[in-house]
Amino acid sequence: MALRATVIEGKGDINPARLNEYKFIMKSLWDEISALADFDKSFYTHANQ
């Protein structure tokens, strides 16, 4: 998603600085989502969670 956002924003060009920024944002969001989904704080997310 970070690459997609960078390409769309750059109208086909890839700016490495923006790509790194988007990578950081996407990873932060993913970490937050996974932490919220791990109800028992076991660092594993199960189907019943």
PDB file of N, CA and C in Angstrom:
ATOM      1  N   MET A   1       0.817  -1.187   0.000  1.00  0.00           N
ATOM      2  CA  MET A   1       0.000   0.000   0.000  1.00  0.00           C
ATOM      3  C   MET A   1       0.863   1.255   0.000  1.00  0.00           C
ATOM      4  N   ALA A   2       2.026   1.166   0.647  1.00  0.00           N
ATOM      5  CA  ALA A   2       2.909   2.322   0.684  1.00  0.00           C
ATOM      6  C   ALA A   2       3.403   2.663  -0.713  1.00  0.00           C
ATOM      7  N   LEU A   3       3.767   1.638  -1.482  1.00  0.00           N
ATOM      8  CA  LEU A   3       4.233   1.862  -2.850  1.00  0.00           C
ATOM      9  C   LEU A   3       3.110   2.436  -3.705  1.00  0.00           C
ATOM     10  N   ARG A   4       1.916   1.891  -3.552  1.00  0.00           N
ATOM     11  CA  ARG A   4       0.761   2.376  -4.322  1.00  0.00           C
ATOM     12  C   ARG A   4       0.499   3.855  -4.028  1.00  0.00           C
ATOM     13  N   ALA A   5       0.499   4.226  -2.755  1.00  0.00           N
ATOM     14  CA  ALA A   5       0.253   5.617  -2.381  1.00  0.00           C
ATOM     15  C   ALA A   5       1.332   6.535  -2.941  1.00  0.00           C
ATOM     16  N   THR A   6       2.584   6.082  -2.914  1.00  0.00           N
ATOM     17  CA  THR A   6       3.691   6.886  -3.430  1.00  0.00           C
ATOM     18  C   THR A   6       3.571   7.091  -4.930  1.00  0.00           C
ATOM     19  N   VAL A   7       3.230   6.032  -5.665  1.00  0.00           N
ATOM     20  CA  VAL A   7       3.099   6.129  -7.123  1.00  0.00           C
ATOM     21  C   VAL A   7       1.931   7.025  -7.497  1.00  0.00           C
ATOM     22  N   ILE A   8       0.802   6.874  -6.815  1.00  0.00           N
ATOM     23  CA  ILE A   8      -0.363   7.713  -7.113  1.00  0.00           C
ATOM     24  C   ILE A   8      -0.053   9.173  -6.816  1.00  0.00           C
ATOM     25  N   GLU A   9       0.555   9.434  -5.662  1.00  0.00           N
ATOM     26  CA  GLU A   9       0.878  10.815  -5.297  1.00  0.00           C
ATOM     27  C   GLU A   9       1.875  11.431  -6.276  1.00  0.00           C
ATOM     28  N   GLY A  10       2.845  10.628  -6.730  1.00  0.00           N
ATOM     29  CA  GLY A  10       3.874  11.131  -7.633  1.00  0.00           C
ATOM     30  C   GLY A  10       3.485  11.059  -9.094  1.00  0.00           C
ATOM     31  N   LYS A  11       2.230  10.667  -9.362  1.00  0.00           N
ATOM     32  CA  LYS A  11       1.720  10.555 -10.733  1.00  0.00           C
ATOM     33  C   LYS A  11       2.638   9.677 -11.589  1.00  0.00           C
ATOM     34  N   GLY A  12       3.046   8.545 -11.019  1.00  0.00           N
ATOM     35  CA  GLY A  12       3.876   7.584 -11.738  1.00  0.00           C
ATOM     36  C   GLY A  12       5.332   7.590 -11.320  1.00  0.00           C
ATOM     37  N   ASP A  13       5.784   8.649 -10.685  1.00  0.00           N
ATOM     38  CA  ASP A  13       7.171   8.721 -10.218  1.00  0.00           C
ATOM     39  C   ASP A  13       7.243   8.274  -8.763  1.00  0.00           C
ATOM     40  N   ILE A  14       8.372   7.678  -8.405  1.00  0.00           N
ATOM     41  CA  ILE A  14       8.561   7.223  -7.031  1.00  0.00           C
ATOM     42  C   ILE A  14       9.605   8.100  -6.356  1.00  0.00           C
ATOM     43  N   ASN A  15       9.202   8.754  -5.289  1.00  0.00           N
ATOM     44  CA  ASN A  15      10.098   9.559  -4.475  1.00  0.00           C
ATOM     45  C   ASN A  15      10.519   8.683  -3.283  1.00  0.00           C
ATOM     46  N   PRO A  16      11.800   8.297  -3.203  1.00  0.00           N
ATOM     47  CA  PRO A  16      12.241   7.399  -2.126  1.00  0.00           C
ATOM     48  C   PRO A  16      11.946   7.932  -0.717  1.00  0.00           C
ATOM     49  N   ALA A  17      12.038   9.220  -0.516  1.00  0.00           N
ATOM     50  CA  ALA A  17      11.766   9.784   0.807  1.00  0.00           C
ATOM     51  C   ALA A  17      10.300   9.597   1.186  1.00  0.00           C
ATOM     52  N   ARG A  18       9.399   9.858   0.238  1.00  0.00           N
ATOM     53  CA  ARG A  18       7.966   9.679   0.501  1.00  0.00           C
ATOM     54  C   ARG A  18       7.636   8.204   0.686  1.00  0.00           C
ATOM     55  N   LEU A  19       8.295   7.334  -0.081  1.00  0.00           N
ATOM     56  CA  LEU A  19       8.059   5.899   0.053  1.00  0.00           C
ATOM     57  C   LEU A  19       8.421   5.442   1.464  1.00  0.00           C
ATOM     58  N   ASN A  20       9.556   5.878   1.966  1.00  0.00           N
ATOM     59  CA  ASN A  20       9.959   5.513   3.326  1.00  0.00           C
ATOM     60  C   ASN A  20       8.982   6.053   4.359  1.00  0.00           C
ATOM     61  N   GLU A  21       8.481   7.260   4.129  1.00  0.00           N
ATOM     62  CA  GLU A  21       7.499   7.845   5.045  1.00  0.00           C
ATOM     63  C   GLU A  21       6.213   7.018   5.049  1.00  0.00           C
ATOM     64  N   TYR A  22       5.740   6.647   3.858  1.00  0.00           N
ATOM     65  CA  TYR A  22       4.531   5.829   3.770  1.00  0.00           C
ATOM     66  C   TYR A  22       4.751   4.442   4.367  1.00  0.00           C
ATOM     67  N   LYS A  23       5.937   3.865   4.189  1.00  0.00           N
ATOM     68  CA  LYS A  23       6.237   2.565   4.795  1.00  0.00           C
ATOM     69  C   LYS A  23       6.132   2.650   6.314  1.00  0.00           C
ATOM     70  N   PHE A  24       6.676   3.718   6.881  1.00  0.00           N
ATOM     71  CA  PHE A  24       6.619   3.906   8.327  1.00  0.00           C
ATOM     72  C   PHE A  24       5.175   4.042   8.794  1.00  0.00           C
ATOM     73  N   ILE A  25       4.384   4.832   8.072  1.00  0.00           N
ATOM     74  CA  ILE A  25       2.975   5.032   8.432  1.00  0.00           C
ATOM     75  C   ILE A  25       2.213   3.711   8.359  1.00  0.00           C
ATOM     76  N   MET A  26       2.389   2.961   7.272  1.00  0.00           N
ATOM     77  CA  MET A  26       1.669   1.698   7.096  1.00  0.00           C
ATOM     78  C   MET A  26       2.075   0.681   8.164  1.00  0.00           C
ATOM     79  N   LYS A  27       3.365   0.613   8.488  1.00  0.00           N
ATOM     80  CA  LYS A  27       3.813  -0.325   9.522  1.00  0.00           C
ATOM     81  C   LYS A  27       3.256   0.068  10.881  1.00  0.00           C
ATOM     82  N   SER A  28       3.225   1.353  11.176  1.00  0.00           N
ATOM     83  CA  SER A  28       2.675   1.816  12.448  1.00  0.00           C
ATOM     84  C   SER A  28       1.197   1.460  12.563  1.00  0.00           C
ATOM     85  N   LEU A  29       0.455   1.672  11.475  1.00  0.00           N
ATOM     86  CA  LEU A  29      -0.968   1.321  11.480  1.00  0.00           C
ATOM     87  C   LEU A  29      -1.161  -0.182  11.661  1.00  0.00           C
ATOM     88  N   TRP A  30      -0.366  -0.983  10.954  1.00  0.00           N
ATOM     89  CA  TRP A  30      -0.478  -2.434  11.068  1.00  0.00           C
ATOM     90  C   TRP A  30      -0.159  -2.894  12.487  1.00  0.00           C
ATOM     91  N   ASP A  31       0.881  -2.335  13.095  1.00  0.00           N
ATOM     92  CA  ASP A  31       1.239  -2.701  14.467  1.00  0.00           C
ATOM     93  C   ASP A  31       0.114  -2.351  15.436  1.00  0.00           C
ATOM     94  N   GLU A  32      -0.515  -1.201  15.237  1.00  0.00           N
ATOM     95  CA  GLU A  32      -1.617  -0.789  16.104  1.00  0.00           C
ATOM     96  C   GLU A  32      -2.826  -1.714  15.937  1.00  0.00           C
ATOM     97  N   ILE A  33      -3.146  -2.061  14.697  1.00  0.00           N
ATOM     98  CA  ILE A  33      -4.270  -2.967  14.435  1.00  0.00           C
ATOM     99  C   ILE A  33      -4.001  -4.336  15.057  1.00  0.00           C
ATOM    100  N   SER A  34      -2.787  -4.855  14.885  1.00  0.00           N
ATOM    101  CA  SER A  34      -2.480  -6.180  15.432  1.00  0.00           C
ATOM    102  C   SER A  34      -2.477  -6.166  16.959  1.00  0.00           C
ATOM    103  N   ALA A  35      -2.053  -5.076  17.567  1.00  0.00           N
ATOM    104  CA  ALA A  35      -2.083  -4.978  19.026  1.00  0.00           C
ATOM    105  C   ALA A  35      -3.521  -4.951  19.538  1.00  0.00           C
ATOM    106  N   LEU A  36      -4.395  -4.265  18.831  1.00  0.00           N
ATOM    107  CA  LEU A  36      -5.801  -4.215  19.232  1.00  0.00           C
ATOM    108  C   LEU A  36      -6.482  -5.571  19.046  1.00  0.00           C
ATOM    109  N   ALA A  37      -6.068  -6.333  18.052  1.00  0.00           N
ATOM    110  CA  ALA A  37      -6.688  -7.628  17.771  1.00  0.00           C
ATOM    111  C   ALA A  37      -6.213  -8.725  18.719  1.00  0.00           C
ATOM    112  N   ASP A  38      -5.090  -8.529  19.371  1.00  0.00           N
ATOM    113  CA  ASP A  38      -4.531  -9.537  20.273  1.00  0.00           C
ATOM    114  C   ASP A  38      -5.086  -9.311  21.677  1.00  0.00           C
ATOM    115  N   PHE A  39      -6.279  -9.833  21.927  1.00  0.00           N
ATOM    116  CA  PHE A  39      -6.985  -9.572  23.178  1.00  0.00           C
ATOM    117  C   PHE A  39      -6.256 -10.103  24.410  1.00  0.00           C
ATOM    118  N   ASP A  40      -5.655 -11.283  24.313  1.00  0.00           N
ATOM    119  CA  ASP A  40      -5.008 -11.863  25.487  1.00  0.00           C
ATOM    120  C   ASP A  40      -3.516 -11.525  25.581  1.00  0.00           C
ATOM    121  N   LYS A  41      -3.045 -10.672  24.702  1.00  0.00           N
ATOM    122  CA  LYS A  41      -1.654 -10.188  24.692  1.00  0.00           C
ATOM    123  C   LYS A  41      -0.636 -11.325  24.633  1.00  0.00           C
ATOM    124  N   SER A  42      -0.944 -12.353  23.826  1.00  0.00           N
ATOM    125  CA  SER A  42      -0.048 -13.491  23.662  1.00  0.00           C
ATOM    126  C   SER A  42       0.854 -13.323  22.440  1.00  0.00           C
ATOM    127  N   PHE A  43       0.724 -12.212  21.746  1.00  0.00           N
ATOM    128  CA  PHE A  43       1.457 -11.900  20.516  1.00  0.00           C
ATOM    129  C   PHE A  43       1.029 -12.780  19.350  1.00  0.00           C
ATOM    130  N   TYR A  44      -0.086 -13.487  19.514  1.00  0.00           N
ATOM    131  CA  TYR A  44      -0.687 -14.275  18.441  1.00  0.00           C
ATOM    132  C   TYR A  44      -2.150 -13.880  18.323  1.00  0.00           C
ATOM    133  N   THR A  45      -2.631 -13.783  17.109  1.00  0.00           N
ATOM    134  CA  THR A  45      -4.040 -13.499  16.887  1.00  0.00           C
ATOM    135  C   THR A  45      -4.689 -14.770  16.360  1.00  0.00           C
ATOM    136  N   HIS A  46      -5.708 -15.231  17.038  1.00  0.00           N
ATOM    137  CA  HIS A  46      -6.387 -16.472  16.681  1.00  0.00           C
ATOM    138  C   HIS A  46      -7.696 -16.155  15.974  1.00  0.00           C
ATOM    139  N   ALA A  47      -8.236 -17.132  15.285  1.00  0.00           N
ATOM    140  CA  ALA A  47      -9.471 -16.946  14.520  1.00  0.00           C
ATOM    141  C   ALA A  47     -10.633 -16.527  15.412  1.00  0.00           C
ATOM    142  N   ASN A  48     -10.664 -16.986  16.646  1.00  0.00           N
ATOM    143  CA  ASN A  48     -11.780 -16.643  17.526  1.00  0.00           C
ATOM    144  C   ASN A  48     -11.635 -15.258  18.152  1.00  0.00           C
ATOM    145  N   GLN A  49     -10.537 -14.593  17.917  1.00  0.00           N
ATOM    146  CA  GLN A  49     -10.365 -13.246  18.444  1.00  0.00           C
ATOM    147  C   GLN A  49     -10.923 -12.284  17.445  1.00  0.00           C
TER     148      GLN A  49
END
